[in-house]
Protein backbone atom coordinates (compact mmCIF):
# COMPACT_ATOMS: atom_id res chain seq x y z
CA UNK A 1 133.77 -26.05 -49.68
CA UNK A 2 131.31 -26.48 -46.79
CA UNK A 3 130.29 -30.10 -46.23
CA UNK A 4 126.56 -30.74 -46.18
CA UNK A 5 124.05 -33.38 -47.20
CA UNK A 6 121.91 -32.82 -50.29
CA UNK A 7 118.65 -34.24 -51.58
CA UNK A 8 120.68 -37.12 -52.99
CA UNK A 9 121.31 -38.31 -49.41
CA UNK A 10 117.67 -38.47 -48.35
CA UNK A 11 115.04 -41.15 -48.87
CA UNK A 12 111.95 -38.97 -48.87
CA UNK A 13 109.12 -41.20 -50.09
CA UNK A 14 106.27 -41.05 -47.64
CA UNK A 15 108.23 -38.71 -45.35
CA UNK A 16 107.15 -35.28 -44.17
CA UNK A 17 109.82 -32.91 -45.47
CA UNK A 18 110.03 -29.37 -44.11
CA UNK A 19 111.49 -27.16 -46.83
CA UNK A 20 112.70 -23.68 -45.88
CA UNK A 21 112.30 -21.63 -49.05
CA UNK A 22 112.58 -17.90 -49.59
CA UNK A 23 109.23 -16.83 -51.02
CA UNK A 24 109.59 -13.22 -49.92
CA UNK A 25 108.68 -11.80 -53.31
CA UNK A 26 107.20 -8.42 -54.25
CA UNK A 27 103.38 -8.57 -54.16
CA UNK A 28 101.09 -5.66 -54.99
CA UNK A 29 97.30 -6.05 -54.73
CA UNK A 30 97.72 -9.81 -54.67
CA UNK A 31 99.84 -9.87 -57.83
CA UNK A 32 103.47 -11.09 -57.79
CA UNK A 33 105.65 -8.74 -59.83
CA UNK A 34 108.88 -10.78 -59.69
CA UNK A 35 108.64 -14.55 -59.20
CA UNK A 36 112.37 -15.28 -59.52
CA UNK A 37 112.74 -16.61 -55.98
CA UNK A 38 109.62 -18.73 -56.32
CA UNK A 39 110.85 -20.16 -59.61
CA UNK A 40 114.19 -21.13 -58.10
CA UNK A 41 112.62 -22.58 -54.97
CA UNK A 42 110.15 -24.61 -56.99
CA UNK A 43 112.94 -26.84 -58.32
CA UNK A 44 113.54 -28.48 -54.93
CA UNK A 45 109.85 -28.60 -54.11
CA UNK A 46 109.01 -30.28 -57.42
CA UNK A 47 111.78 -32.85 -57.02
CA UNK A 48 110.67 -33.79 -53.52
CA UNK A 49 107.03 -34.02 -54.57
CA UNK A 50 107.90 -36.22 -57.55
CA UNK A 51 109.85 -38.51 -55.20
CA UNK A 52 106.76 -39.05 -53.08
CA UNK A 53 107.49 -36.73 -50.18
CA UNK A 54 104.88 -34.75 -48.29
CA UNK A 55 106.37 -31.33 -48.95
CA UNK A 56 105.74 -28.73 -46.24
CA UNK A 57 107.04 -25.31 -47.26
CA UNK A 58 108.22 -22.71 -44.74
CA UNK A 59 108.99 -19.09 -45.57
CA UNK A 60 108.90 -15.59 -44.19
CA UNK A 61 107.21 -12.66 -45.90
CA UNK A 62 108.28 -9.11 -45.12
CA UNK A 63 108.72 -7.99 -41.49
CA UNK A 64 105.56 -8.44 -39.37
CA UNK A 65 107.73 -8.47 -36.21
CA UNK A 66 105.90 -11.33 -34.55
CA UNK A 67 102.41 -10.06 -35.25
CA UNK A 68 99.70 -11.45 -37.52
CA UNK A 69 99.31 -8.80 -40.22
CA UNK A 70 96.88 -9.77 -43.03
CA UNK A 71 98.81 -7.79 -45.64
CA UNK A 72 101.87 -9.92 -44.89
CA UNK A 73 100.19 -13.27 -45.33
CA UNK A 74 101.81 -15.82 -47.64
CA UNK A 75 98.39 -16.88 -48.97
CA UNK A 76 98.75 -14.97 -52.29
CA UNK A 77 102.10 -16.67 -52.84
CA UNK A 78 100.51 -20.14 -52.87
CA UNK A 79 99.04 -19.38 -56.31
CA UNK A 80 102.42 -18.17 -57.57
CA UNK A 81 104.09 -21.33 -56.29
CA UNK A 82 101.43 -23.45 -57.98
CA UNK A 83 102.07 -21.61 -61.26
CA UNK A 84 105.82 -22.24 -60.92
CA UNK A 85 105.06 -25.93 -60.42
CA UNK A 86 103.11 -26.16 -63.64
CA UNK A 87 99.71 -25.84 -62.01
CA UNK A 88 100.21 -28.48 -59.32
CA UNK A 89 97.95 -27.87 -56.34
CA UNK A 90 99.49 -26.11 -53.35
CA UNK A 91 97.45 -26.24 -50.16
CA UNK A 92 97.72 -23.46 -47.59
CA UNK A 93 97.68 -23.51 -43.79
CA UNK A 94 96.63 -20.41 -41.85
CA UNK A 95 99.40 -21.00 -39.33
CA UNK A 96 102.85 -22.58 -39.33
CA UNK A 97 102.50 -24.29 -35.93
CA UNK A 98 99.70 -25.51 -33.66
CA UNK A 99 96.47 -27.37 -34.34
CA UNK A 100 95.79 -25.73 -37.70
CA UNK A 101 99.18 -26.72 -39.08
CA UNK A 102 99.07 -30.20 -37.50
CA UNK A 103 95.70 -30.97 -39.12
CA UNK A 104 96.83 -29.63 -42.49
CA UNK A 105 99.93 -31.83 -42.44
CA UNK A 106 97.94 -34.88 -41.28
CA UNK A 107 95.67 -34.55 -44.32
CA UNK A 108 98.58 -34.73 -46.78
CA UNK A 109 99.22 -37.63 -49.13
CA UNK A 110 102.51 -38.58 -50.77
CA UNK A 111 103.48 -35.94 -53.32
CA UNK A 112 101.27 -33.25 -51.82
CA UNK A 113 102.57 -29.72 -51.25
CA UNK A 114 101.53 -27.53 -48.34
CA UNK A 115 102.56 -23.91 -47.80
CA UNK A 116 102.49 -22.80 -44.17
CA UNK A 117 101.69 -19.25 -43.10
CA UNK A 118 104.44 -16.66 -42.58
CA UNK A 119 106.87 -17.95 -39.92
CA UNK A 120 107.54 -14.36 -38.85
CA UNK A 121 103.99 -14.05 -37.53
CA UNK A 122 105.58 -15.65 -34.46
CA UNK A 123 108.25 -13.81 -32.46
CA UNK A 124 110.02 -17.12 -31.90
CA UNK A 125 111.18 -17.18 -35.52
CA UNK A 126 113.53 -14.20 -35.47
CA UNK A 127 114.42 -14.87 -31.82
CA UNK A 128 115.56 -18.37 -32.85
CA UNK A 129 113.47 -19.66 -29.96
CA UNK A 130 114.10 -23.38 -29.25
CA UNK A 131 110.45 -24.06 -28.35
CA UNK A 132 109.19 -22.47 -31.55
CA UNK A 133 111.73 -24.51 -33.52
CA UNK A 134 110.51 -27.67 -31.81
CA UNK A 135 106.93 -26.83 -32.80
CA UNK A 136 108.04 -26.53 -36.41
CA UNK A 137 110.11 -29.72 -36.23
CA UNK A 138 107.10 -31.66 -34.91
CA UNK A 139 105.49 -31.23 -38.31
CA UNK A 140 108.26 -33.01 -40.23
CA UNK A 141 110.56 -36.00 -40.42
CA UNK A 142 113.29 -34.32 -42.48
CA UNK A 143 114.48 -30.75 -42.99
CA UNK A 144 115.73 -29.16 -46.21
CA UNK A 145 117.13 -25.63 -46.25
CA UNK A 146 116.80 -24.14 -49.72
CA UNK A 147 116.93 -20.47 -48.68
CA UNK A 148 120.52 -19.31 -49.12
CA UNK A 149 119.28 -15.72 -49.20
CA UNK A 150 118.22 -16.14 -45.54
CA UNK A 151 121.27 -18.15 -44.46
CA UNK A 152 122.93 -15.14 -42.82
CA UNK A 153 120.12 -15.03 -40.25
CA UNK A 154 120.17 -17.33 -37.21
CA UNK A 155 116.41 -17.80 -37.11
CA UNK A 156 114.41 -20.82 -35.99
CA UNK A 157 113.49 -21.95 -39.51
CA UNK A 158 116.96 -21.31 -40.96
CA UNK A 159 119.29 -22.43 -38.17
CA UNK A 160 117.65 -24.24 -35.23
CA UNK A 161 115.66 -26.72 -37.33
CA UNK A 162 118.84 -28.18 -38.79
CA UNK A 163 119.79 -29.36 -35.32
CA UNK A 164 116.44 -31.03 -34.68
CA UNK A 165 115.88 -33.12 -37.81
CA UNK A 166 118.02 -34.98 -40.35
CA UNK A 167 118.95 -32.10 -42.66
CA UNK A 168 120.11 -31.37 -46.17
CA UNK A 169 120.58 -28.50 -48.60
CA UNK A 170 118.01 -27.99 -51.34
CA UNK A 171 119.00 -27.56 -54.98
CA UNK A 172 119.00 -23.76 -54.82
CA UNK A 173 121.15 -23.71 -51.69
CA UNK A 174 123.47 -26.30 -53.25
CA UNK A 175 123.77 -24.25 -56.47
CA UNK A 176 124.53 -21.03 -54.59
CA UNK A 177 127.25 -22.61 -52.47
CA UNK A 178 128.76 -24.39 -55.46
CA UNK A 179 128.87 -21.15 -57.47
CA UNK A 180 130.41 -19.19 -54.61
CA UNK A 181 133.01 -21.86 -53.99
CA UNK A 182 133.94 -21.78 -57.69
CA UNK A 183 134.22 -17.99 -57.54
CA UNK A 184 136.26 -17.50 -54.37
CA UNK A 185 136.68 -20.79 -52.54
CA UNK A 186 138.68 -22.75 -55.11
CA UNK A 187 138.66 -20.48 -58.17
CA UNK A 188 140.55 -20.75 -61.40
CA UNK A 189 142.97 -17.83 -61.51
CA UNK A 190 143.44 -15.01 -62.29
CA UNK A 191 140.41 -13.84 -60.28
CA UNK A 192 138.84 -10.41 -60.57
CA UNK A 193 136.16 -8.71 -58.51
CA UNK A 194 133.99 -5.89 -59.84
CA UNK A 195 132.53 -3.88 -56.97
CA UNK A 196 130.30 -0.86 -57.47
CA UNK A 197 127.62 1.00 -55.59
CA UNK A 198 127.16 4.21 -53.70
CA UNK A 199 129.22 3.98 -50.53
CA UNK A 200 132.40 2.43 -49.23
CA UNK A 201 130.79 2.35 -45.79
CA UNK A 202 128.26 -0.25 -46.94
CA UNK A 203 130.95 -2.48 -48.44
CA UNK A 204 133.96 -1.79 -46.27
CA UNK A 205 134.27 -5.38 -45.03
CA UNK A 206 133.77 -6.69 -48.55
CA UNK A 207 136.56 -4.56 -50.02
CA UNK A 208 138.89 -5.37 -47.14
CA UNK A 209 138.26 -9.09 -47.67
CA UNK A 210 138.59 -9.03 -51.45
CA UNK A 211 142.01 -7.38 -51.62
CA UNK A 212 143.37 -10.52 -49.95
CA UNK A 213 141.53 -12.91 -52.27
CA UNK A 214 141.54 -11.55 -55.81
CA UNK A 215 144.18 -10.61 -58.34
CA UNK A 216 142.27 -7.62 -59.74
CA UNK A 217 139.77 -5.41 -57.95
CA UNK A 218 137.74 -3.07 -60.17
CA UNK A 219 135.94 -0.35 -58.25
CA UNK A 220 133.12 1.61 -59.84
CA UNK A 221 130.03 3.55 -58.85
CA UNK A 222 130.08 6.45 -56.42
CA UNK A 223 132.38 4.56 -54.05
CA UNK A 224 135.14 5.00 -56.63
CA UNK A 225 134.91 8.75 -55.99
CA UNK A 226 136.18 8.34 -52.44
CA UNK A 227 139.14 6.32 -53.73
CA UNK A 228 139.82 8.97 -56.37
CA UNK A 229 139.79 11.65 -53.69
CA UNK A 230 142.16 9.50 -51.61
CA UNK A 231 144.56 9.60 -54.56
CA UNK A 232 144.38 13.38 -54.65
CA UNK A 233 141.78 13.93 -57.37
CA UNK A 234 138.99 16.50 -57.13
CA UNK A 235 135.53 14.93 -57.54
CA UNK A 236 133.45 18.11 -57.70
CA UNK A 237 129.94 17.67 -56.31
CA UNK A 238 130.05 13.90 -56.75
CA UNK A 239 128.66 11.62 -54.07
CA UNK A 240 131.67 10.96 -51.86
CA UNK A 241 132.55 10.02 -48.28
CA UNK A 242 135.34 12.39 -47.19
CA UNK A 243 135.42 10.85 -43.72
CA UNK A 244 136.43 7.54 -45.30
CA UNK A 245 139.28 8.87 -47.46
CA UNK A 246 141.81 7.51 -44.98
CA UNK A 247 140.10 4.12 -45.09
CA UNK A 248 140.16 4.13 -48.88
CA UNK A 249 143.85 4.97 -48.79
CA UNK A 250 144.47 2.05 -46.41
CA UNK A 251 142.63 -0.36 -48.72
CA UNK A 252 144.58 1.00 -51.67
CA UNK A 253 147.87 0.41 -49.84
CA UNK A 254 146.74 -3.04 -48.72
CA UNK A 255 145.99 -3.94 -52.34
CA UNK A 256 149.53 -2.95 -53.33
CA UNK A 257 150.99 -5.02 -50.50
CA UNK A 258 149.04 -8.12 -51.55
CA UNK A 259 149.75 -7.67 -55.29
CA UNK A 260 146.07 -7.01 -55.93
CA UNK A 261 145.67 -4.67 -58.89
CA UNK A 262 143.14 -2.06 -57.72
CA UNK A 263 141.52 -0.47 -60.78
CA UNK A 264 139.79 2.93 -60.62
CA UNK A 265 138.14 4.80 -63.51
CA UNK A 266 140.74 7.11 -65.05
CA UNK A 267 138.07 8.53 -67.38
CA UNK A 268 134.61 9.54 -66.19
CA UNK A 269 131.27 10.85 -67.44
CA UNK A 270 130.11 13.98 -65.66
CA UNK A 271 126.98 16.14 -65.52
CA UNK A 272 125.56 18.94 -63.41
CA UNK A 273 122.75 16.75 -62.09
CA UNK A 274 121.52 13.19 -62.00
CA UNK A 275 118.61 13.59 -64.42
CA UNK A 276 117.65 11.61 -67.49
CA UNK A 277 119.01 13.14 -70.67
CA UNK A 278 121.22 15.63 -68.80
CA UNK A 279 124.07 17.11 -70.91
CA UNK A 280 127.23 15.13 -70.22
CA UNK A 281 130.97 15.42 -70.74
CA UNK A 282 133.62 12.73 -70.77
CA UNK A 283 136.86 13.83 -69.15
CA UNK A 284 139.89 12.61 -67.26
CA UNK A 285 139.18 11.67 -63.65
CA UNK A 286 141.58 14.39 -62.53
CA UNK A 287 139.75 17.22 -64.32
CA UNK A 288 136.30 17.24 -62.71
CA UNK A 289 135.02 20.85 -62.30
CA UNK A 290 133.83 21.91 -58.85
CA UNK A 291 130.21 22.24 -60.01
CA UNK A 292 129.98 18.85 -61.78
CA UNK A 293 129.49 15.30 -60.57
CA UNK A 294 130.82 11.93 -61.71
CA UNK A 295 127.93 9.66 -62.73
CA UNK A 296 129.52 6.93 -64.84
CA UNK A 297 132.81 5.52 -66.07
CA UNK A 298 134.05 6.76 -69.43
CA UNK A 299 134.43 4.61 -72.57
CA UNK A 300 138.23 4.49 -72.36
CA UNK A 301 138.02 3.27 -68.76
CA UNK A 302 135.44 0.71 -69.86
CA UNK A 303 137.77 -0.58 -72.57
CA UNK A 304 140.65 -0.90 -70.11
CA UNK A 305 138.44 -2.69 -67.58
CA UNK A 306 137.25 -5.12 -70.23
CA UNK A 307 140.85 -5.74 -71.32
CA UNK A 308 141.82 -6.64 -67.77
CA UNK A 309 138.81 -8.90 -67.28
CA UNK A 310 139.59 -10.68 -70.55
CA UNK A 311 142.86 -11.81 -68.94
CA UNK A 312 141.00 -13.41 -66.03
CA UNK A 313 139.39 -16.81 -65.60
CA UNK A 314 136.97 -15.94 -62.80
CA UNK A 315 134.96 -12.80 -62.00
CA UNK A 316 132.85 -11.93 -58.97
CA UNK A 317 130.50 -8.99 -59.54
CA UNK A 318 128.66 -6.87 -56.98
CA UNK A 319 127.14 -3.49 -57.75
CA UNK A 320 126.88 -1.15 -60.77
CA UNK A 321 129.65 0.93 -62.33
CA UNK A 322 127.53 4.08 -62.46
CA UNK A 323 124.05 5.50 -61.85
CA UNK A 324 122.57 2.80 -64.08
CA UNK A 325 118.95 3.55 -63.15
CA UNK A 326 118.98 6.77 -65.21
CA UNK A 327 120.17 6.83 -68.86
CA UNK A 328 122.70 7.64 -70.18
CA UNK A 329 124.56 6.81 -66.98
CA UNK A 330 123.95 3.09 -67.48
CA UNK A 331 126.35 2.95 -70.43
CA UNK A 332 129.44 1.94 -68.44
CA UNK A 333 127.72 -0.79 -66.48
CA UNK A 334 126.04 -2.10 -69.62
CA UNK A 335 129.26 -2.22 -71.64
CA UNK A 336 131.33 -4.02 -69.00
CA UNK A 337 128.50 -6.42 -68.15
CA UNK A 338 127.90 -7.25 -71.80
CA UNK A 339 131.60 -7.96 -72.30
CA UNK A 340 131.60 -10.31 -69.29
CA UNK A 341 128.45 -11.98 -70.60
CA UNK A 342 130.13 -12.59 -73.96
CA UNK A 343 133.19 -14.11 -72.29
CA UNK A 344 130.93 -16.42 -70.27
CA UNK A 345 128.99 -17.42 -73.36
CA UNK A 346 132.25 -18.26 -75.14
CA UNK A 347 133.37 -20.40 -72.23
CA UNK A 348 136.35 -18.16 -71.46
CA UNK A 349 135.18 -16.92 -68.08
CA UNK A 350 133.28 -18.05 -64.98
CA UNK A 351 131.30 -15.11 -63.61
CA UNK A 352 129.21 -15.07 -60.45
CA UNK A 353 127.16 -12.00 -59.53
CA UNK A 354 124.73 -10.97 -56.84
CA UNK A 355 123.77 -8.65 -54.03
CA UNK A 356 122.10 -5.25 -53.87
CA UNK A 357 121.26 -3.65 -57.21
CA UNK A 358 123.36 -6.14 -59.14
CA UNK A 359 120.50 -8.24 -60.49
CA UNK A 360 118.66 -5.11 -61.68
CA UNK A 361 121.81 -3.69 -63.25
CA UNK A 362 122.63 -6.87 -65.16
CA UNK A 363 119.01 -7.29 -66.21
CA UNK A 364 119.06 -3.72 -67.49
CA UNK A 365 122.20 -4.62 -69.46
CA UNK A 366 120.41 -7.63 -70.95
CA UNK A 367 122.94 -10.16 -69.68
CA UNK A 368 121.37 -11.59 -66.52
CA UNK A 369 121.05 -14.99 -68.20
CA UNK A 370 124.58 -14.97 -69.63
CA UNK A 371 126.52 -14.91 -66.37
CA UNK A 372 127.57 -18.31 -65.05
CA UNK A 373 125.48 -17.76 -61.94
CA UNK A 374 123.34 -14.88 -60.74
CA UNK A 375 122.50 -14.99 -57.05
CA UNK A 376 119.14 -13.69 -55.85
CA UNK A 377 120.56 -13.34 -52.34
CA UNK A 378 121.45 -9.92 -51.00
CA UNK A 379 122.92 -9.82 -47.52
CA UNK A 380 123.86 -13.50 -47.51
CA UNK A 381 125.79 -13.12 -50.78
CA UNK A 382 127.74 -10.16 -49.41
CA UNK A 383 128.48 -11.78 -46.06
CA UNK A 384 129.77 -14.91 -47.78
CA UNK A 385 132.07 -12.78 -49.95
CA UNK A 386 133.24 -11.03 -46.79
CA UNK A 387 134.31 -14.39 -45.41
CA UNK A 388 131.73 -14.50 -42.64
CA UNK A 389 130.18 -17.71 -41.35
CA UNK A 390 126.52 -17.94 -42.35
CA UNK A 391 124.43 -19.51 -39.56
CA UNK A 392 122.13 -21.33 -41.95
CA UNK A 393 125.03 -22.89 -43.83
CA UNK A 394 126.99 -23.66 -40.67
CA UNK A 395 123.93 -25.44 -39.24
CA UNK A 396 123.78 -27.74 -42.27
CA UNK A 397 127.49 -28.46 -41.95
CA UNK A 398 127.12 -29.29 -38.24
CA UNK A 399 124.13 -31.50 -38.99
CA UNK A 400 126.12 -33.41 -41.60
CA UNK A 401 129.05 -33.84 -39.21
CA UNK A 402 126.94 -35.42 -36.48
CA UNK A 403 124.67 -37.42 -38.80
CA UNK A 404 125.09 -41.16 -39.38
CA UNK A 405 127.14 -42.30 -42.36
CA UNK A 406 125.80 -41.10 -45.69
CA UNK A 407 124.54 -44.55 -46.66
CA UNK A 408 122.38 -44.66 -43.53
CA UNK A 409 121.15 -41.06 -43.55
CA UNK A 410 118.22 -41.89 -45.81
CA UNK A 411 116.83 -44.28 -43.20
CA UNK A 412 117.12 -41.88 -40.24
């Protein structure tokens, strides 16, 4: 597992602590529709505040591309953060650097919380500009990165800051890395991965990486159609990537060579169109008519998938098994997810899920809270599973390596 300092290694009382959170939540007409990221980020912020730190929160919001766009201000999020903190006051600064930010920080008392304006209002953020990073660092004494979901970006507030101030991972970052390490770093075997979604092309690196890491690889969603075609099955009008059939065949062969059991749906649910309430048929995967499309896995395939997962100790999940957004094509995803949730609840399985539509799919299945860990990260979750180095995580590791001994870090 990556080595990094945590909040336990910092003496924060009276110190100015820059906390990089991910508060990029959906906001419509000033109303937050999903506060999950705020709720998770509030844990670190609350702990630091209770310990007497002056907590200065950094975050991006959408993609203003270095311009000040009023609709992309973080100001409405300050109220949501306050709500997540049980009503504790959260001050707001109209800028994240310069005189405005300096004065706002200078006015803080121990335990206060200040949210700075969108870091992406400055081009230096996404450019990872050293001077912009220094301007941010001047506002704090310590740096805490709690935004795992942004860790795959080498930006000033996610990567450069860790090299300028004594740094540590926040509780959310720590939990994400711990869960991922348990799932693929040092997992209890057998390990299975459930990967669904529309296209192989979007998850090619993920699939290539997983066949070398897991014992069982269950493939669902429309990407399974390309694998079925690679095995010689007709998929009718199903969403498929014919130009990647050779790639699918290569992954299939690689799985055999590494003793990874690659599982495809041998029974499927088909319809003429992807519409709610459309007439459906359940047939063998090799019997799809030319004018029909595969939209879900069949009940027999679900039962076999569940049987295989029951034999495992660890499961990593990314993506739905079918077109879960439109009933009845959510049945396969729901059934497999609910079975995994039950195994987790019984203590028989460790299951970590995240990325893309996964959170929505598991929420739709009613089991989002039953998985061992559900990541709110998208790209960062996928890149970690692919075995890539995440700049934000690597920066924390480098900071820990060059920092003084742990017992002295708190006094830096």
